């Protein structure tokens, strides 16, 4: 059976936040906002394991991407390097 979960942490503790936009969900576990995924138990467990293993890196990457989107000037060179290192680690 497939379940609707957060693509970041694998949690089922998600809420549909904007009825006019079916793809906007919020995860009460990791504060993810965006579309969710529907998966079987095997994929759900894989996502949960990756979340446990790389939680800090995933959250830092999300923070840097948010800074990049919100900033007029983008990221500093140090932040860009950190984002690149996180990407490499998560691959």
PDB file of N, CA and C in Angstrom:
ATOM      1  N   UNK A   1       0.826  -1.176   0.000  1.00  0.00           N
ATOM      2  CA  UNK A   1       0.000   0.000   0.000  1.00  0.00           C
ATOM      3  C   UNK A   1       0.876   1.247   0.000  1.00  0.00           C
ATOM      4  N   UNK A   2       0.512   2.228  -0.784  1.00  0.00           N
ATOM      5  CA  UNK A   2       1.290   3.461  -0.870  1.00  0.00           C
ATOM      6  C   UNK A   2       0.794   4.468   0.161  1.00  0.00           C
ATOM      7  N   UNK A   3       1.759   5.246   0.676  1.00  0.00           N
ATOM      8  CA  UNK A   3       1.445   6.254   1.673  1.00  0.00           C
ATOM      9  C   UNK A   3       1.932   7.610   1.191  1.00  0.00           C
ATOM     10  N   UNK A   4       1.241   8.664   1.596  1.00  0.00           N
ATOM     11  CA  UNK A   4       1.678  10.021   1.303  1.00  0.00           C
ATOM     12  C   UNK A   4       2.628  10.440   2.418  1.00  0.00           C
ATOM     13  N   UNK A   5       3.848  10.865   2.008  1.00  0.00           N
ATOM     14  CA  UNK A   5       4.857  11.221   2.994  1.00  0.00           C
ATOM     15  C   UNK A   5       5.626  12.475   2.560  1.00  0.00           C
ATOM     16  N   UNK A   6       6.364  13.011   3.489  1.00  0.00           N
ATOM     17  CA  UNK A   6       7.279  14.112   3.216  1.00  0.00           C
ATOM     18  C   UNK A   6       8.484  13.561   2.448  1.00  0.00           C
ATOM     19  N   UNK A   7       8.858  14.190   1.332  1.00  0.00           N
ATOM     20  CA  UNK A   7      10.007  13.688   0.570  1.00  0.00           C
ATOM     21  C   UNK A   7      11.341  13.959   1.254  1.00  0.00           C
ATOM     22  N   UNK A   8      11.368  14.844   2.236  1.00  0.00           N
ATOM     23  CA  UNK A   8      12.610  15.171   2.933  1.00  0.00           C
ATOM     24  C   UNK A   8      12.916  14.166   4.049  1.00  0.00           C
ATOM     25  N   UNK A   9      11.918  13.881   4.919  1.00  0.00           N
ATOM     26  CA  UNK A   9      12.192  13.059   6.096  1.00  0.00           C
ATOM     27  C   UNK A   9      11.416  11.750   6.145  1.00  0.00           C
ATOM     28  N   UNK A  10      10.413  11.590   5.279  1.00  0.00           N
ATOM     29  CA  UNK A  10       9.632  10.361   5.256  1.00  0.00           C
ATOM     30  C   UNK A  10       8.460  10.336   6.227  1.00  0.00           C
ATOM     31  N   UNK A  11       8.191  11.423   6.903  1.00  0.00           N
ATOM     32  CA  UNK A  11       7.123  11.479   7.892  1.00  0.00           C
ATOM     33  C   UNK A  11       5.743  11.486   7.237  1.00  0.00           C
ATOM     34  N   UNK A  12       4.798  10.858   7.920  1.00  0.00           N
ATOM     35  CA  UNK A  12       3.395  10.911   7.503  1.00  0.00           C
ATOM     36  C   UNK A  12       2.689  12.077   8.188  1.00  0.00           C
ATOM     37  N   UNK A  13       3.374  12.785   9.055  1.00  0.00           N
ATOM     38  CA  UNK A  13       2.794  13.889   9.809  1.00  0.00           C
ATOM     39  C   UNK A  13       2.826  15.154   8.947  1.00  0.00           C
ATOM     40  N   UNK A  14       1.992  15.156   7.907  1.00  0.00           N
ATOM     41  CA  UNK A  14       1.952  16.236   6.931  1.00  0.00           C
ATOM     42  C   UNK A  14       0.549  16.820   6.870  1.00  0.00           C
ATOM     43  N   UNK A  15       0.471  18.078   6.466  1.00  0.00           N
ATOM     44  CA  UNK A  15      -0.814  18.751   6.358  1.00  0.00           C
ATOM     45  C   UNK A  15      -0.909  19.481   5.029  1.00  0.00           C
ATOM     46  N   UNK A  16      -2.078  19.439   4.451  1.00  0.00           N
ATOM     47  CA  UNK A  16      -2.384  20.179   3.227  1.00  0.00           C
ATOM     48  C   UNK A  16      -2.636  21.613   3.654  1.00  0.00           C
ATOM     49  N   UNK A  17      -1.798  22.566   3.237  1.00  0.00           N
ATOM     50  CA  UNK A  17      -1.863  23.909   3.806  1.00  0.00           C
ATOM     51  C   UNK A  17      -2.633  24.921   2.974  1.00  0.00           C
ATOM     52  N   UNK A  18      -2.755  24.691   1.684  1.00  0.00           N
ATOM     53  CA  UNK A  18      -3.458  25.657   0.842  1.00  0.00           C
ATOM     54  C   UNK A  18      -4.467  24.903  -0.023  1.00  0.00           C
ATOM     55  N   UNK A  19      -5.733  24.929   0.362  1.00  0.00           N
ATOM     56  CA  UNK A  19      -6.730  24.175  -0.413  1.00  0.00           C
ATOM     57  C   UNK A  19      -6.792  24.563  -1.894  1.00  0.00           C
ATOM     58  N   UNK A  20      -6.471  25.805  -2.220  1.00  0.00           N
ATOM     59  CA  UNK A  20      -6.506  26.221  -3.616  1.00  0.00           C
ATOM     60  C   UNK A  20      -5.329  25.665  -4.415  1.00  0.00           C
ATOM     61  N   UNK A  21      -4.315  25.186  -3.722  1.00  0.00           N
ATOM     62  CA  UNK A  21      -3.126  24.652  -4.382  1.00  0.00           C
ATOM     63  C   UNK A  21      -2.864  23.257  -3.830  1.00  0.00           C
ATOM     64  N   UNK A  22      -3.293  22.235  -4.528  1.00  0.00           N
ATOM     65  CA  UNK A  22      -3.205  20.860  -4.040  1.00  0.00           C
ATOM     66  C   UNK A  22      -1.782  20.390  -3.773  1.00  0.00           C
ATOM     67  N   UNK A  23      -0.787  21.045  -4.362  1.00  0.00           N
ATOM     68  CA  UNK A  23       0.586  20.566  -4.204  1.00  0.00           C
ATOM     69  C   UNK A  23       1.331  21.170  -3.017  1.00  0.00           C
ATOM     70  N   UNK A  24       0.710  22.063  -2.265  1.00  0.00           N
ATOM     71  CA  UNK A  24       1.398  22.688  -1.137  1.00  0.00           C
ATOM     72  C   UNK A  24       1.048  21.983   0.174  1.00  0.00           C
ATOM     73  N   UNK A  25       2.038  21.298   0.719  1.00  0.00           N
ATOM     74  CA  UNK A  25       1.891  20.570   1.969  1.00  0.00           C
ATOM     75  C   UNK A  25       2.966  21.053   2.934  1.00  0.00           C
ATOM     76  N   UNK A  26       2.756  20.811   4.201  1.00  0.00           N
ATOM     77  CA  UNK A  26       3.727  21.169   5.225  1.00  0.00           C
ATOM     78  C   UNK A  26       3.984  19.954   6.100  1.00  0.00           C
ATOM     79  N   UNK A  27       5.249  19.688   6.380  1.00  0.00           N
ATOM     80  CA  UNK A  27       5.625  18.573   7.247  1.00  0.00           C
ATOM     81  C   UNK A  27       5.806  19.104   8.665  1.00  0.00           C
ATOM     82  N   UNK A  28       5.122  18.489   9.606  1.00  0.00           N
ATOM     83  CA  UNK A  28       5.233  18.893  11.005  1.00  0.00           C
ATOM     84  C   UNK A  28       6.475  18.325  11.679  1.00  0.00           C
ATOM     85  N   UNK A  29       7.206  17.466  10.982  1.00  0.00           N
ATOM     86  CA  UNK A  29       8.411  16.860  11.540  1.00  0.00           C
ATOM     87  C   UNK A  29       9.671  17.659  11.191  1.00  0.00           C
ATOM     88  N   UNK A  30       9.784  18.098   9.938  1.00  0.00           N
ATOM     89  CA  UNK A  30      11.029  18.753   9.500  1.00  0.00           C
ATOM     90  C   UNK A  30      10.812  20.147   8.919  1.00  0.00           C
ATOM     91  N   UNK A  31       9.575  20.625   8.940  1.00  0.00           N
ATOM     92  CA  UNK A  31       9.226  21.953   8.454  1.00  0.00           C
ATOM     93  C   UNK A  31       9.351  22.112   6.934  1.00  0.00           C
ATOM     94  N   UNK A  32       9.388  21.018   6.205  1.00  0.00           N
ATOM     95  CA  UNK A  32       9.386  21.052   4.744  1.00  0.00           C
ATOM     96  C   UNK A  32       8.057  21.621   4.266  1.00  0.00           C
ATOM     97  N   UNK A  33       8.087  22.414   3.214  1.00  0.00           N
ATOM     98  CA  UNK A  33       6.877  22.901   2.568  1.00  0.00           C
ATOM     99  C   UNK A  33       7.020  22.674   1.071  1.00  0.00           C
ATOM    100  N   UNK A  34       6.023  22.040   0.485  1.00  0.00           N
ATOM    101  CA  UNK A  34       6.049  21.782  -0.948  1.00  0.00           C
ATOM    102  C   UNK A  34       5.253  20.536  -1.268  1.00  0.00           C
ATOM    103  N   UNK A  35       5.472  19.988  -2.464  1.00  0.00           N
ATOM    104  CA  UNK A  35       4.734  18.783  -2.847  1.00  0.00           C
ATOM    105  C   UNK A  35       5.198  17.572  -2.029  1.00  0.00           C
ATOM    106  N   UNK A  36       4.294  16.639  -1.833  1.00  0.00           N
ATOM    107  CA  UNK A  36       4.629  15.402  -1.134  1.00  0.00           C
ATOM    108  C   UNK A  36       4.768  14.287  -2.159  1.00  0.00           C
ATOM    109  N   UNK A  37       5.146  13.104  -1.684  1.00  0.00           N
ATOM    110  CA  UNK A  37       5.262  11.956  -2.570  1.00  0.00           C
ATOM    111  C   UNK A  37       4.436  10.803  -2.019  1.00  0.00           C
ATOM    112  N   UNK A  38       4.071   9.893  -2.892  1.00  0.00           N
ATOM    113  CA  UNK A  38       3.323   8.706  -2.508  1.00  0.00           C
ATOM    114  C   UNK A  38       4.214   7.502  -2.800  1.00  0.00           C
ATOM    115  N   UNK A  39       4.563   6.751  -1.740  1.00  0.00           N
ATOM    116  CA  UNK A  39       5.541   5.672  -1.885  1.00  0.00           C
ATOM    117  C   UNK A  39       5.103   4.433  -1.108  1.00  0.00           C
ATOM    118  N   UNK A  40       5.800   3.327  -1.377  1.00  0.00           N
ATOM    119  CA  UNK A  40       5.571   2.114  -0.600  1.00  0.00           C
ATOM    120  C   UNK A  40       6.505   2.109   0.617  1.00  0.00           C
ATOM    121  N   UNK A  41       6.392   1.120   1.457  1.00  0.00           N
ATOM    122  CA  UNK A  41       7.167   1.061   2.707  1.00  0.00           C
ATOM    123  C   UNK A  41       8.667   1.007   2.481  1.00  0.00           C
ATOM    124  N   UNK A  42       9.116   0.351   1.412  1.00  0.00           N
ATOM    125  CA  UNK A  42      10.547   0.238   1.139  1.00  0.00           C
ATOM    126  C   UNK A  42      11.169   1.606   0.902  1.00  0.00           C
ATOM    127  N   UNK A  43      10.556   2.392   0.044  1.00  0.00           N
ATOM    128  CA  UNK A  43      11.066   3.732  -0.257  1.00  0.00           C
ATOM    129  C   UNK A  43      10.953   4.625   0.974  1.00  0.00           C
ATOM    130  N   UNK A  44       9.869   4.500   1.703  1.00  0.00           N
ATOM    131  CA  UNK A  44       9.684   5.293   2.921  1.00  0.00           C
ATOM    132  C   UNK A  44      10.818   5.034   3.906  1.00  0.00           C
ATOM    133  N   UNK A  45      11.180   3.786   4.097  1.00  0.00           N
ATOM    134  CA  UNK A  45      12.270   3.433   5.022  1.00  0.00           C
ATOM    135  C   UNK A  45      13.600   3.986   4.537  1.00  0.00           C
ATOM    136  N   UNK A  46      13.844   3.952   3.232  1.00  0.00           N
ATOM    137  CA  UNK A  46      15.082   4.508   2.671  1.00  0.00           C
ATOM    138  C   UNK A  46      15.175   6.012   2.952  1.00  0.00           C
ATOM    139  N   UNK A  47      14.067   6.716   2.743  1.00  0.00           N
ATOM    140  CA  UNK A  47      14.057   8.163   2.994  1.00  0.00           C
ATOM    141  C   UNK A  47      14.287   8.440   4.471  1.00  0.00           C
ATOM    142  N   UNK A  48      13.633   7.680   5.345  1.00  0.00           N
ATOM    143  CA  UNK A  48      13.812   7.863   6.787  1.00  0.00           C
ATOM    144  C   UNK A  48      15.252   7.614   7.206  1.00  0.00           C
ATOM    145  N   UNK A  49      15.897   6.591   6.634  1.00  0.00           N
ATOM    146  CA  UNK A  49      17.300   6.298   6.945  1.00  0.00           C
ATOM    147  C   UNK A  49      18.220   7.429   6.489  1.00  0.00           C
ATOM    148  N   UNK A  50      17.977   7.941   5.278  1.00  0.00           N
ATOM    149  CA  UNK A  50      18.790   9.048   4.773  1.00  0.00           C
ATOM    150  C   UNK A  50      18.597  10.294   5.633  1.00  0.00           C
ATOM    151  N   UNK A  51      17.363  10.523   6.071  1.00  0.00           N
ATOM    152  CA  UNK A  51      17.080  11.667   6.941  1.00  0.00           C
ATOM    153  C   UNK A  51      17.860  11.541   8.251  1.00  0.00           C
ATOM    154  N   UNK A  52      17.829  10.363   8.867  1.00  0.00           N
ATOM    155  CA  UNK A  52      18.545  10.157  10.130  1.00  0.00           C
ATOM    156  C   UNK A  52      20.049  10.339   9.942  1.00  0.00           C
ATOM    157  N   UNK A  53      20.547   9.849   8.842  1.00  0.00           N
ATOM    158  CA  UNK A  53      21.986   9.883   8.576  1.00  0.00           C
ATOM    159  C   UNK A  53      22.478  11.284   8.205  1.00  0.00           C
ATOM    160  N   UNK A  54      21.670  12.056   7.465  1.00  0.00           N
ATOM    161  CA  UNK A  54      22.126  13.339   6.909  1.00  0.00           C
ATOM    162  C   UNK A  54      21.245  14.522   7.304  1.00  0.00           C
ATOM    163  N   UNK A  55      20.530  14.422   8.404  1.00  0.00           N
ATOM    164  CA  UNK A  55      19.581  15.463   8.797  1.00  0.00           C
ATOM    165  C   UNK A  55      20.217  16.856   8.824  1.00  0.00           C
ATOM    166  N   UNK A  56      21.353  16.997   9.482  1.00  0.00           N
ATOM    167  CA  UNK A  56      21.993  18.315   9.600  1.00  0.00           C
ATOM    168  C   UNK A  56      22.403  18.876   8.248  1.00  0.00           C
ATOM    169  N   UNK A  57      22.944  18.040   7.376  1.00  0.00           N
ATOM    170  CA  UNK A  57      23.357  18.498   6.062  1.00  0.00           C
ATOM    171  C   UNK A  57      22.150  18.911   5.221  1.00  0.00           C
ATOM    172  N   UNK A  58      21.075  18.124   5.299  1.00  0.00           N
ATOM    173  CA  UNK A  58      19.875  18.428   4.524  1.00  0.00           C
ATOM    174  C   UNK A  58      19.273  19.751   4.970  1.00  0.00           C
ATOM    175  N   UNK A  59      19.203  19.965   6.285  1.00  0.00           N
ATOM    176  CA  UNK A  59      18.649  21.215   6.797  1.00  0.00           C
ATOM    177  C   UNK A  59      19.536  22.408   6.448  1.00  0.00           C
ATOM    178  N   UNK A  60      20.839  22.246   6.513  1.00  0.00           N
ATOM    179  CA  UNK A  60      21.752  23.338   6.159  1.00  0.00           C
ATOM    180  C   UNK A  60      21.632  23.673   4.678  1.00  0.00           C
ATOM    181  N   UNK A  61      21.510  22.644   3.847  1.00  0.00           N
ATOM    182  CA  UNK A  61      21.346  22.876   2.410  1.00  0.00           C
ATOM    183  C   UNK A  61      20.056  23.657   2.150  1.00  0.00           C
ATOM    184  N   UNK A  62      18.976  23.271   2.802  1.00  0.00           N
ATOM    185  CA  UNK A  62      17.708  23.980   2.638  1.00  0.00           C
ATOM    186  C   UNK A  62      17.845  25.429   3.094  1.00  0.00           C
ATOM    187  N   UNK A  63      18.563  25.650   4.190  1.00  0.00           N
ATOM    188  CA  UNK A  63      18.778  27.011   4.692  1.00  0.00           C
ATOM    189  C   UNK A  63      19.568  27.849   3.689  1.00  0.00           C
ATOM    190  N   UNK A  64      20.621  27.287   3.130  1.00  0.00           N
ATOM    191  CA  UNK A  64      21.426  28.013   2.148  1.00  0.00           C
ATOM    192  C   UNK A  64      20.624  28.315   0.882  1.00  0.00           C
ATOM    193  N   UNK A  65      19.817  27.363   0.449  1.00  0.00           N
ATOM    194  CA  UNK A  65      18.999  27.603  -0.740  1.00  0.00           C
ATOM    195  C   UNK A  65      17.964  28.697  -0.479  1.00  0.00           C
ATOM    196  N   UNK A  66      17.431  28.729   0.731  1.00  0.00           N
ATOM    197  CA  UNK A  66      16.478  29.782   1.093  1.00  0.00           C
ATOM    198  C   UNK A  66      17.176  31.141   1.109  1.00  0.00           C
ATOM    199  N   UNK A  67      18.372  31.199   1.666  1.00  0.00           N
ATOM    200  CA  UNK A  67      19.146  32.445   1.687  1.00  0.00           C
ATOM    201  C   UNK A  67      19.404  32.913   0.261  1.00  0.00           C
ATOM    202  N   UNK A  68      19.772  31.983  -0.591  1.00  0.00           N
ATOM    203  CA  UNK A  68      20.065  32.311  -1.989  1.00  0.00           C
ATOM    204  C   UNK A  68      18.833  32.881  -2.686  1.00  0.00           C
ATOM    205  N   UNK A  69      17.679  32.294  -2.446  1.00  0.00           N
ATOM    206  CA  UNK A  69      16.439  32.767  -3.066  1.00  0.00           C
ATOM    207  C   UNK A  69      16.037  34.146  -2.543  1.00  0.00           C
ATOM    208  N   UNK A  70      16.238  34.388  -1.250  1.00  0.00           N
ATOM    209  CA  UNK A  70      15.782  35.621  -0.624  1.00  0.00           C
ATOM    210  C   UNK A  70      16.755  36.785  -0.778  1.00  0.00           C
ATOM    211  N   UNK A  71      18.012  36.487  -1.017  1.00  0.00           N
ATOM    212  CA  UNK A  71      19.035  37.527  -1.060  1.00  0.00           C
ATOM    213  C   UNK A  71      19.158  38.146  -2.446  1.00  0.00           C
ATOM    214  N   UNK A  72      19.352  39.452  -2.477  1.00  0.00           N
ATOM    215  CA  UNK A  72      19.591  40.150  -3.742  1.00  0.00           C
ATOM    216  C   UNK A  72      20.947  39.771  -4.328  1.00  0.00           C
ATOM    217  N   UNK A  73      21.887  39.482  -3.452  1.00  0.00           N
ATOM    218  CA  UNK A  73      23.268  39.254  -3.884  1.00  0.00           C
ATOM    219  C   UNK A  73      23.643  37.778  -3.943  1.00  0.00           C
ATOM    220  N   UNK A  74      22.748  36.899  -3.557  1.00  0.00           N
ATOM    221  CA  UNK A  74      23.062  35.479  -3.564  1.00  0.00           C
ATOM    222  C   UNK A  74      23.914  35.093  -2.376  1.00  0.00           C
ATOM    223  N   UNK A  75      24.587  33.970  -2.481  1.00  0.00           N
ATOM    224  CA  UNK A  75      25.413  33.463  -1.395  1.00  0.00           C
ATOM    225  C   UNK A  75      26.827  34.009  -1.469  1.00  0.00           C
ATOM    226  N   UNK A  76      27.496  33.999  -0.317  1.00  0.00           N
ATOM    227  CA  UNK A  76      28.918  34.335  -0.308  1.00  0.00           C
ATOM    228  C   UNK A  76      29.675  33.176  -0.939  1.00  0.00           C
ATOM    229  N   UNK A  77      30.945  33.400  -1.251  1.00  0.00           N
ATOM    230  CA  UNK A  77      31.756  32.319  -1.831  1.00  0.00           C
ATOM    231  C   UNK A  77      31.873  31.147  -0.862  1.00  0.00           C
ATOM    232  N   UNK A  78      31.964  31.459   0.427  1.00  0.00           N
ATOM    233  CA  UNK A  78      32.058  30.398   1.436  1.00  0.00           C
ATOM    234  C   UNK A  78      30.764  29.580   1.483  1.00  0.00           C
ATOM    235  N   UNK A  79      29.620  30.267   1.394  1.00  0.00           N
ATOM    236  CA  UNK A  79      28.338  29.561   1.402  1.00  0.00           C
ATOM    237  C   UNK A  79      28.163  28.730   0.138  1.00  0.00           C
ATOM    238  N   UNK A  80      28.597  29.261  -1.002  1.00  0.00           N
ATOM    239  CA  UNK A  80      28.532  28.499  -2.258  1.00  0.00           C
ATOM    240  C   UNK A  80      29.374  27.236  -2.154  1.00  0.00           C
ATOM    241  N   UNK A  81      30.576  27.359  -1.571  1.00  0.00           N
ATOM    242  CA  UNK A  81      31.454  26.203  -1.399  1.00  0.00           C
ATOM    243  C   UNK A  81      30.808  25.183  -0.461  1.00  0.00           C
ATOM    244  N   UNK A  82      30.215  25.668   0.624  1.00  0.00           N
ATOM    245  CA  UNK A  82      29.546  24.777   1.575  1.00  0.00           C
ATOM    246  C   UNK A  82      28.393  24.044   0.905  1.00  0.00           C
ATOM    247  N   UNK A  83      27.614  24.739   0.091  1.00  0.00           N
ATOM    248  CA  UNK A  83      26.503  24.120  -0.628  1.00  0.00           C
ATOM    249  C   UNK A  83      27.017  23.048  -1.586  1.00  0.00           C
ATOM    250  N   UNK A  84      28.113  23.325  -2.255  1.00  0.00           N
ATOM    251  CA  UNK A  84      28.715  22.346  -3.173  1.00  0.00           C
ATOM    252  C   UNK A  84      29.176  21.105  -2.402  1.00  0.00           C
ATOM    253  N   UNK A  85      29.800  21.311  -1.251  1.00  0.00           N
ATOM    254  CA  UNK A  85      30.258  20.184  -0.437  1.00  0.00           C
ATOM    255  C   UNK A  85      29.096  19.339   0.084  1.00  0.00           C
ATOM    256  N   UNK A  86      28.030  20.013   0.473  1.00  0.00           N
ATOM    257  CA  UNK A  86      26.840  19.285   0.947  1.00  0.00           C
ATOM    258  C   UNK A  86      26.251  18.468  -0.188  1.00  0.00           C
ATOM    259  N   UNK A  87      26.148  19.058  -1.386  1.00  0.00           N
ATOM    260  CA  UNK A  87      25.629  18.331  -2.552  1.00  0.00           C
ATOM    261  C   UNK A  87      26.449  17.063  -2.807  1.00  0.00           C
ATOM    262  N   UNK A  88      27.759  17.199  -2.745  1.00  0.00           N
ATOM    263  CA  UNK A  88      28.629  16.038  -2.973  1.00  0.00           C
ATOM    264  C   UNK A  88      28.432  14.969  -1.909  1.00  0.00           C
ATOM    265  N   UNK A  89      28.279  15.385  -0.668  1.00  0.00           N
ATOM    266  CA  UNK A  89      28.068  14.459   0.426  1.00  0.00           C
ATOM    267  C   UNK A  89      26.749  13.699   0.281  1.00  0.00           C
ATOM    268  N   UNK A  90      25.717  14.391  -0.183  1.00  0.00           N
ATOM    269  CA  UNK A  90      24.391  13.791  -0.274  1.00  0.00           C
ATOM    270  C   UNK A  90      24.193  12.923  -1.513  1.00  0.00           C
ATOM    271  N   UNK A  91      25.140  12.924  -2.429  1.00  0.00           N
ATOM    272  CA  UNK A  91      24.994  12.098  -3.642  1.00  0.00           C
ATOM    273  C   UNK A  91      25.340  10.664  -3.384  1.00  0.00           C
TER     274      UNK A  91
END
